[in-house]
Amino acid sequence: MMELEKPVLTTMDDMEKLINHIATGGLTVVENSAALGAEFTLYFFRAFSEKSGMPLLIEDIFDTLPVYETHLELMGFPLGMKGVDVIKVGGSQEAGRVISRIEFEEDPNVYQGKLERELEKLPYKRYIHIVLGLERLLVFQKGIYNTYTLLNLIRRKLGNGRSKNVYIIERPVVEKLEFNPLPFLEDIATSVVQLRDEEELVRIRFRKSLFTLLARKNSILVSPREIIRWWG
């Protein structure tokens, strides 16, 4: 097998190609271990959505979006969420344009059923669907059976030709759960990306990705400052 190239500091074009390689109907899991990795990933997708014209839908579980939005605002990088549609799952703090609310349900089948009905109402032909706070939902699952049921229901998103599904997960939180769901999530995902700090940069490691095969890179380095400058 041809040796993969060593990681280099990535460009805006590389990052846009990376998103374009996320399959519509696929399921991408972003496992974040970087201090502000989730925030800048969200910022990037927001900017990409605005530039490309592909609508962005955020599934905000237990007020995760307002936390990330506040972090970025305090650093002087407003996210600009007023025109972004949001489905709120539990929680009470609003961010973006909340188009529907789903009360927390202990039964994963009830929760997922409500969510799927809301997604069916969306007018978009194609869109980016970002899920924030899945780790918070997993904390409230009672036992391994409920956790497994929830993850199995998530798998039903595979093959949906309308959406690029991206789950941004705080890896340190998930790893402390009694039942670590990451191996199962990684198994059903079409792409798995890991983020970790490397001094002032963030290393993006592709554990499972078509991008690795096409670009001959198993990881890249990105500067959060550059992400802001690209669309600042």
C-alpha atoms as a PDB file:
ATOM      1  CA  MET A   1       0.000   0.000   0.000  1.00  0.00           C
ATOM      2  CA  MET A   2       1.298   3.479  -0.890  1.00  0.00           C
ATOM      3  CA  GLU A   3       2.461   5.412   2.160  1.00  0.00           C
ATOM      4  CA  LEU A   4       0.182   8.267   3.191  1.00  0.00           C
ATOM      5  CA  GLU A   5       1.501  11.813   3.055  1.00  0.00           C
ATOM      6  CA  LYS A   6       2.609  13.494   6.253  1.00  0.00           C
ATOM      7  CA  PRO A   7       0.101  15.994   7.680  1.00  0.00           C
ATOM      8  CA  VAL A   8       0.402  19.597   6.463  1.00  0.00           C
ATOM      9  CA  LEU A   9      -1.375  22.804   7.413  1.00  0.00           C
ATOM     10  CA  THR A  10      -4.609  22.698   5.448  1.00  0.00           C
ATOM     11  CA  THR A  11      -6.204  25.356   3.260  1.00  0.00           C
ATOM     12  CA  MET A  12      -9.765  26.560   2.826  1.00  0.00           C
ATOM     13  CA  ASP A  13     -10.009  24.606  -0.446  1.00  0.00           C
ATOM     14  CA  ASP A  14      -8.956  21.413   1.337  1.00  0.00           C
ATOM     15  CA  MET A  15     -11.576  21.925   4.032  1.00  0.00           C
ATOM     16  CA  GLU A  16     -14.306  22.548   1.470  1.00  0.00           C
ATOM     17  CA  LYS A  17     -13.286  19.408  -0.422  1.00  0.00           C
ATOM     18  CA  LEU A  18     -13.492  17.535   2.863  1.00  0.00           C
ATOM     19  CA  ILE A  19     -17.119  18.571   3.373  1.00  0.00           C
ATOM     20  CA  ASN A  20     -17.938  17.744  -0.247  1.00  0.00           C
ATOM     21  CA  HIS A  21     -16.641  14.218   0.414  1.00  0.00           C
ATOM     22  CA  ILE A  22     -19.213  13.779   3.193  1.00  0.00           C
ATOM     23  CA  ALA A  23     -21.789  11.607   1.505  1.00  0.00           C
ATOM     24  CA  THR A  24     -25.417  12.694   1.366  1.00  0.00           C
ATOM     25  CA  GLY A  25     -27.245   9.947   3.206  1.00  0.00           C
ATOM     26  CA  GLY A  26     -24.111   9.075   5.166  1.00  0.00           C
ATOM     27  CA  LEU A  27     -23.349   9.510   8.849  1.00  0.00           C
ATOM     28  CA  THR A  28     -20.236  11.375   9.958  1.00  0.00           C
ATOM     29  CA  VAL A  29     -19.094  11.260  13.580  1.00  0.00           C
ATOM     30  CA  VAL A  30     -16.764  14.042  14.752  1.00  0.00           C
ATOM     31  CA  GLU A  31     -15.124  12.993  18.031  1.00  0.00           C
ATOM     32  CA  ASN A  32     -13.840  16.155  19.672  1.00  0.00           C
ATOM     33  CA  SER A  33     -11.061  16.179  22.258  1.00  0.00           C
ATOM     34  CA  ALA A  34      -9.764  19.675  21.411  1.00  0.00           C
ATOM     35  CA  ALA A  35     -10.460  22.589  23.756  1.00  0.00           C
ATOM     36  CA  LEU A  36     -12.531  24.501  21.194  1.00  0.00           C
ATOM     37  CA  GLY A  37     -12.749  21.911  18.448  1.00  0.00           C
ATOM     38  CA  ALA A  38     -16.550  21.606  18.509  1.00  0.00           C
ATOM     39  CA  GLU A  39     -17.029  25.378  18.414  1.00  0.00           C
ATOM     40  CA  PHE A  40     -14.760  25.901  15.412  1.00  0.00           C
ATOM     41  CA  THR A  41     -16.222  22.888  13.612  1.00  0.00           C
ATOM     42  CA  LEU A  42     -19.653  24.446  14.024  1.00  0.00           C
ATOM     43  CA  TYR A  43     -18.309  27.833  12.864  1.00  0.00           C
ATOM     44  CA  PHE A  44     -16.834  26.191   9.777  1.00  0.00           C
ATOM     45  CA  PHE A  45     -20.064  24.407   8.825  1.00  0.00           C
ATOM     46  CA  ARG A  46     -22.039  27.611   9.374  1.00  0.00           C
ATOM     47  CA  ALA A  47     -19.704  29.524   7.043  1.00  0.00           C
ATOM     48  CA  PHE A  48     -19.696  26.715   4.470  1.00  0.00           C
ATOM     49  CA  SER A  49     -23.503  26.635   4.481  1.00  0.00           C
ATOM     50  CA  GLU A  50     -23.683  30.364   3.847  1.00  0.00           C
ATOM     51  CA  LYS A  51     -21.113  30.235   1.045  1.00  0.00           C
ATOM     52  CA  SER A  52     -22.454  27.119  -0.697  1.00  0.00           C
ATOM     53  CA  GLY A  53     -26.146  27.884  -0.268  1.00  0.00           C
ATOM     54  CA  MET A  54     -26.792  24.460   1.264  1.00  0.00           C
ATOM     55  CA  PRO A  55     -29.195  24.927   4.209  1.00  0.00           C
ATOM     56  CA  LEU A  56     -27.961  24.080   7.696  1.00  0.00           C
ATOM     57  CA  LEU A  57     -30.206  22.402  10.263  1.00  0.00           C
ATOM     58  CA  ILE A  58     -29.028  22.016  13.830  1.00  0.00           C
ATOM     59  CA  GLU A  59     -30.459  19.478  16.245  1.00  0.00           C
ATOM     60  CA  ASP A  60     -29.715  21.089  19.602  1.00  0.00           C
ATOM     61  CA  ILE A  61     -29.845  18.609  22.473  1.00  0.00           C
ATOM     62  CA  PHE A  62     -30.082  20.058  26.001  1.00  0.00           C
ATOM     63  CA  ASP A  63     -28.872  23.592  25.170  1.00  0.00           C
ATOM     64  CA  THR A  64     -25.531  22.581  23.628  1.00  0.00           C
ATOM     65  CA  LEU A  65     -25.806  25.126  20.808  1.00  0.00           C
ATOM     66  CA  PRO A  66     -26.229  28.175  23.118  1.00  0.00           C
ATOM     67  CA  VAL A  67     -23.092  27.122  25.029  1.00  0.00           C
ATOM     68  CA  TYR A  68     -20.987  26.869  21.873  1.00  0.00           C
ATOM     69  CA  GLU A  69     -22.455  30.101  20.515  1.00  0.00           C
ATOM     70  CA  THR A  70     -21.600  31.968  23.736  1.00  0.00           C
ATOM     71  CA  HIS A  71     -18.019  30.645  23.707  1.00  0.00           C
ATOM     72  CA  LEU A  72     -17.509  31.993  20.177  1.00  0.00           C
ATOM     73  CA  GLU A  73     -19.152  35.336  20.954  1.00  0.00           C
ATOM     74  CA  LEU A  74     -16.928  35.859  24.003  1.00  0.00           C
ATOM     75  CA  MET A  75     -13.892  35.301  21.779  1.00  0.00           C
ATOM     76  CA  GLY A  76     -15.196  37.898  19.335  1.00  0.00           C
ATOM     77  CA  PHE A  77     -16.385  35.466  16.651  1.00  0.00           C
ATOM     78  CA  PRO A  78     -20.203  35.689  16.436  1.00  0.00           C
ATOM     79  CA  LEU A  79     -21.736  32.605  14.870  1.00  0.00           C
ATOM     80  CA  GLY A  80     -24.615  34.414  13.172  1.00  0.00           C
ATOM     81  CA  MET A  81     -27.373  31.903  13.896  1.00  0.00           C
ATOM     82  CA  LYS A  82     -30.460  34.075  13.313  1.00  0.00           C
ATOM     83  CA  GLY A  83     -31.272  32.499   9.947  1.00  0.00           C
ATOM     84  CA  VAL A  84     -30.362  28.915  10.853  1.00  0.00           C
ATOM     85  CA  ASP A  85     -33.172  26.454  11.568  1.00  0.00           C
ATOM     86  CA  VAL A  86     -32.919  24.622  14.889  1.00  0.00           C
ATOM     87  CA  ILE A  87     -34.799  21.653  16.313  1.00  0.00           C
ATOM     88  CA  LYS A  88     -34.546  21.803  20.096  1.00  0.00           C
ATOM     89  CA  VAL A  89     -34.496  18.584  22.089  1.00  0.00           C
ATOM     90  CA  GLY A  90     -35.099  19.425  25.747  1.00  0.00           C
ATOM     91  CA  GLY A  91     -33.430  22.459  27.261  1.00  0.00           C
ATOM     92  CA  SER A  92     -34.746  25.995  27.629  1.00  0.00           C
ATOM     93  CA  GLN A  93     -32.191  28.379  26.078  1.00  0.00           C
ATOM     94  CA  GLU A  94     -32.828  29.406  22.492  1.00  0.00           C
ATOM     95  CA  ALA A  95     -30.288  29.979  19.743  1.00  0.00           C
ATOM     96  CA  GLY A  96     -30.964  30.241  16.033  1.00  0.00           C
ATOM     97  CA  ARG A  97     -34.445  30.038  14.524  1.00  0.00           C
ATOM     98  CA  VAL A  98     -36.229  27.370  16.549  1.00  0.00           C
ATOM     99  CA  ILE A  99     -38.691  25.657  14.188  1.00  0.00           C
ATOM    100  CA  SER A 100     -39.788  22.860  16.531  1.00  0.00           C
ATOM    101  CA  ARG A 101     -39.325  21.520  20.042  1.00  0.00           C
ATOM    102  CA  ILE A 102     -39.109  17.919  21.190  1.00  0.00           C
ATOM    103  CA  GLU A 103     -39.507  17.138  24.861  1.00  0.00           C
ATOM    104  CA  PHE A 104     -37.014  14.702  26.348  1.00  0.00           C
ATOM    105  CA  GLU A 105     -38.298  11.133  26.337  1.00  0.00           C
ATOM    106  CA  GLU A 106     -36.728   8.291  28.289  1.00  0.00           C
ATOM    107  CA  ASP A 107     -37.939   5.861  25.641  1.00  0.00           C
ATOM    108  CA  PRO A 108     -35.601   6.251  22.616  1.00  0.00           C
ATOM    109  CA  ASN A 109     -38.297   4.954  20.249  1.00  0.00           C
ATOM    110  CA  VAL A 110     -40.665   7.776  21.238  1.00  0.00           C
ATOM    111  CA  TYR A 111     -37.931  10.417  20.983  1.00  0.00           C
ATOM    112  CA  GLN A 112     -36.656   9.260  17.603  1.00  0.00           C
ATOM    113  CA  GLY A 113     -40.185   8.920  16.247  1.00  0.00           C
ATOM    114  CA  LYS A 114     -40.938  12.542  17.110  1.00  0.00           C
ATOM    115  CA  LEU A 115     -37.661  13.670  15.555  1.00  0.00           C
ATOM    116  CA  GLU A 116     -38.256  11.794  12.305  1.00  0.00           C
ATOM    117  CA  ARG A 117     -41.699  13.365  11.946  1.00  0.00           C
ATOM    118  CA  GLU A 118     -40.156  16.835  12.314  1.00  0.00           C
ATOM    119  CA  LEU A 119     -37.446  16.060   9.757  1.00  0.00           C
ATOM    120  CA  GLU A 120     -40.066  14.915   7.252  1.00  0.00           C
ATOM    121  CA  LYS A 121     -41.633  18.387   7.383  1.00  0.00           C
ATOM    122  CA  LEU A 122     -38.468  20.172   6.235  1.00  0.00           C
ATOM    123  CA  PRO A 123     -38.795  21.904   2.851  1.00  0.00           C
ATOM    124  CA  TYR A 124     -35.138  21.447   1.855  1.00  0.00           C
ATOM    125  CA  LYS A 125     -34.170  19.211  -1.063  1.00  0.00           C
ATOM    126  CA  ARG A 126     -30.668  18.756   0.381  1.00  0.00           C
ATOM    127  CA  TYR A 127     -29.234  20.063   3.624  1.00  0.00           C
ATOM    128  CA  ILE A 128     -26.545  19.642   6.288  1.00  0.00           C
ATOM    129  CA  HIS A 129     -27.895  18.143   9.509  1.00  0.00           C
ATOM    130  CA  ILE A 130     -25.629  18.757  12.502  1.00  0.00           C
ATOM    131  CA  VAL A 131     -26.421  17.078  15.818  1.00  0.00           C
ATOM    132  CA  LEU A 132     -25.003  18.713  18.958  1.00  0.00           C
ATOM    133  CA  GLY A 133     -25.090  17.206  22.439  1.00  0.00           C
ATOM    134  CA  LEU A 134     -25.661  13.518  21.738  1.00  0.00           C
ATOM    135  CA  GLU A 135     -23.376  12.787  24.688  1.00  0.00           C
ATOM    136  CA  ARG A 136     -25.838  14.647  26.961  1.00  0.00           C
ATOM    137  CA  LEU A 137     -28.701  12.511  25.703  1.00  0.00           C
ATOM    138  CA  LEU A 138     -26.680   9.343  26.259  1.00  0.00           C
ATOM    139  CA  VAL A 139     -26.053  10.303  29.894  1.00  0.00           C
ATOM    140  CA  PHE A 140     -29.800  10.043  30.565  1.00  0.00           C
ATOM    141  CA  GLN A 141     -30.266   6.635  28.968  1.00  0.00           C
ATOM    142  CA  LYS A 142     -31.197   3.971  31.504  1.00  0.00           C
ATOM    143  CA  GLY A 143     -28.969   0.995  30.912  1.00  0.00           C
ATOM    144  CA  ILE A 144     -27.194  -0.551  27.973  1.00  0.00           C
ATOM    145  CA  TYR A 145     -30.434  -1.646  26.285  1.00  0.00           C
ATOM    146  CA  ASN A 146     -31.761   1.925  25.934  1.00  0.00           C
ATOM    147  CA  THR A 147     -28.376   3.147  24.732  1.00  0.00           C
ATOM    148  CA  TYR A 148     -28.168   0.406  22.130  1.00  0.00           C
ATOM    149  CA  THR A 149     -31.760   1.099  21.032  1.00  0.00           C
ATOM    150  CA  LEU A 150     -31.011   4.816  20.580  1.00  0.00           C
ATOM    151  CA  LEU A 151     -27.891   4.146  18.519  1.00  0.00           C
ATOM    152  CA  ASN A 152     -29.717   1.587  16.419  1.00  0.00           C
ATOM    153  CA  LEU A 153     -32.421   4.176  15.674  1.00  0.00           C
ATOM    154  CA  ILE A 154     -29.748   6.678  14.638  1.00  0.00           C
ATOM    155  CA  ARG A 155     -28.558   4.127  12.109  1.00  0.00           C
ATOM    156  CA  ARG A 156     -31.881   4.562  10.297  1.00  0.00           C
ATOM    157  CA  LYS A 157     -30.607   7.910   8.964  1.00  0.00           C
ATOM    158  CA  LEU A 158     -28.228   6.011   6.690  1.00  0.00           C
ATOM    159  CA  GLY A 159     -29.394   6.209   3.104  1.00  0.00           C
ATOM    160  CA  ASN A 160     -31.431   9.410   3.520  1.00  0.00           C
ATOM    161  CA  GLY A 161     -30.589  11.066   0.226  1.00  0.00           C
ATOM    162  CA  ARG A 162     -31.505  14.549   1.462  1.00  0.00           C
ATOM    163  CA  SER A 163     -29.032  15.195   4.261  1.00  0.00           C
ATOM    164  CA  LYS A 164     -25.370  15.177   5.190  1.00  0.00           C
ATOM    165  CA  ASN A 165     -25.603  13.953   8.802  1.00  0.00           C
ATOM    166  CA  VAL A 166     -22.858  15.123  11.159  1.00  0.00           C
ATOM    167  CA  TYR A 167     -22.689  14.258  14.865  1.00  0.00           C
ATOM    168  CA  ILE A 168     -20.278  16.436  16.858  1.00  0.00           C
ATOM    169  CA  ILE A 169     -19.520  14.561  20.079  1.00  0.00           C
ATOM    170  CA  GLU A 170     -17.398  15.502  23.091  1.00  0.00           C
ATOM    171  CA  ARG A 171     -15.263  12.367  23.288  1.00  0.00           C
ATOM    172  CA  PRO A 172     -14.018  12.800  26.914  1.00  0.00           C
ATOM    173  CA  VAL A 173     -17.644  12.857  28.151  1.00  0.00           C
ATOM    174  CA  VAL A 174     -18.684   9.789  26.174  1.00  0.00           C
ATOM    175  CA  GLU A 175     -15.678   7.749  27.271  1.00  0.00           C
ATOM    176  CA  LYS A 176     -16.706   8.153  30.926  1.00  0.00           C
ATOM    177  CA  LEU A 177     -20.143   6.607  30.404  1.00  0.00           C
ATOM    178  CA  GLU A 178     -20.802   3.199  31.918  1.00  0.00           C
ATOM    179  CA  PHE A 179     -21.337   1.887  28.392  1.00  0.00           C
ATOM    180  CA  ASN A 180     -19.026   3.588  25.866  1.00  0.00           C
ATOM    181  CA  PRO A 181     -21.065   3.870  22.630  1.00  0.00           C
ATOM    182  CA  LEU A 182     -18.193   5.062  20.426  1.00  0.00           C
ATOM    183  CA  PRO A 183     -17.226   1.627  19.023  1.00  0.00           C
ATOM    184  CA  PHE A 184     -20.826   1.074  17.908  1.00  0.00           C
ATOM    185  CA  LEU A 185     -21.145   4.591  16.493  1.00  0.00           C
ATOM    186  CA  GLU A 186     -17.869   4.206  14.622  1.00  0.00           C
ATOM    187  CA  ASP A 187     -19.074   0.916  13.188  1.00  0.00           C
ATOM    188  CA  ILE A 188     -22.294   2.343  11.723  1.00  0.00           C
ATOM    189  CA  ALA A 189     -20.735   5.654  10.627  1.00  0.00           C
ATOM    190  CA  THR A 190     -19.612   6.208   7.046  1.00  0.00           C
ATOM    191  CA  SER A 191     -16.959   8.663   8.279  1.00  0.00           C
ATOM    192  CA  VAL A 192     -15.175   9.057  11.619  1.00  0.00           C
ATOM    193  CA  VAL A 193     -13.074  12.137  12.366  1.00  0.00           C
ATOM    194  CA  GLN A 194     -11.144  12.874  15.551  1.00  0.00           C
ATOM    195  CA  LEU A 195     -10.051  16.340  16.730  1.00  0.00           C
ATOM    196  CA  ARG A 196      -7.291  17.027  19.239  1.00  0.00           C
ATOM    197  CA  ASP A 197      -5.123  19.992  20.196  1.00  0.00           C
ATOM    198  CA  GLU A 198      -1.589  20.267  18.899  1.00  0.00           C
ATOM    199  CA  GLU A 199      -0.174  23.449  20.424  1.00  0.00           C
ATOM    200  CA  GLU A 200      -2.077  26.319  18.714  1.00  0.00           C
ATOM    201  CA  LEU A 201      -3.419  24.037  15.984  1.00  0.00           C
ATOM    202  CA  VAL A 202      -6.043  21.316  15.793  1.00  0.00           C
ATOM    203  CA  ARG A 203      -5.149  17.966  14.282  1.00  0.00           C
ATOM    204  CA  ILE A 204      -7.965  16.375  12.305  1.00  0.00           C
ATOM    205  CA  ARG A 205      -7.447  12.630  12.118  1.00  0.00           C
ATOM    206  CA  PHE A 206      -9.452  10.539   9.683  1.00  0.00           C
ATOM    207  CA  ARG A 207     -10.152   7.177  11.227  1.00  0.00           C
ATOM    208  CA  LYS A 208     -12.674   6.225   8.584  1.00  0.00           C
ATOM    209  CA  SER A 209     -13.069   8.407   5.529  1.00  0.00           C
ATOM    210  CA  LEU A 210     -13.173   8.379   1.746  1.00  0.00           C
ATOM    211  CA  PHE A 211     -11.052  11.539   1.982  1.00  0.00           C
ATOM    212  CA  THR A 212      -8.139   9.419   3.219  1.00  0.00           C
ATOM    213  CA  LEU A 213      -8.255   7.221   0.128  1.00  0.00           C
ATOM    214  CA  LEU A 214      -8.675  10.045  -2.359  1.00  0.00           C
ATOM    215  CA  ALA A 215      -6.275  12.586  -0.869  1.00  0.00           C
ATOM    216  CA  ARG A 216      -3.758  10.108   0.589  1.00  0.00           C
ATOM    217  CA  LYS A 217      -3.872  11.856   3.970  1.00  0.00           C
ATOM    218  CA  ASN A 218      -4.766  10.231   7.264  1.00  0.00           C
ATOM    219  CA  SER A 219      -4.666  13.529   9.156  1.00  0.00           C
ATOM    220  CA  ILE A 220      -4.376  17.258   8.557  1.00  0.00           C
ATOM    221  CA  LEU A 221      -3.593  20.294  10.701  1.00  0.00           C
ATOM    222  CA  VAL A 222      -5.877  23.309  10.787  1.00  0.00           C
ATOM    223  CA  SER A 223      -5.509  26.682  12.453  1.00  0.00           C
ATOM    224  CA  PRO A 224      -8.645  28.042  14.177  1.00  0.00           C
ATOM    225  CA  ARG A 225      -7.327  31.524  13.366  1.00  0.00           C
ATOM    226  CA  GLU A 226      -7.263  30.652   9.675  1.00  0.00           C
ATOM    227  CA  ILE A 227     -10.842  29.345   9.809  1.00  0.00           C
ATOM    228  CA  ILE A 228     -11.955  32.733  11.129  1.00  0.00           C
ATOM    229  CA  ARG A 229      -9.821  34.628   8.586  1.00  0.00           C
ATOM    230  CA  TRP A 230     -11.244  32.646   5.629  1.00  0.00           C
ATOM    231  CA  TRP A 231     -14.741  33.928   6.321  1.00  0.00           C
ATOM    232  CA  GLY A 232     -14.098  36.851   8.640  1.00  0.00           C
END
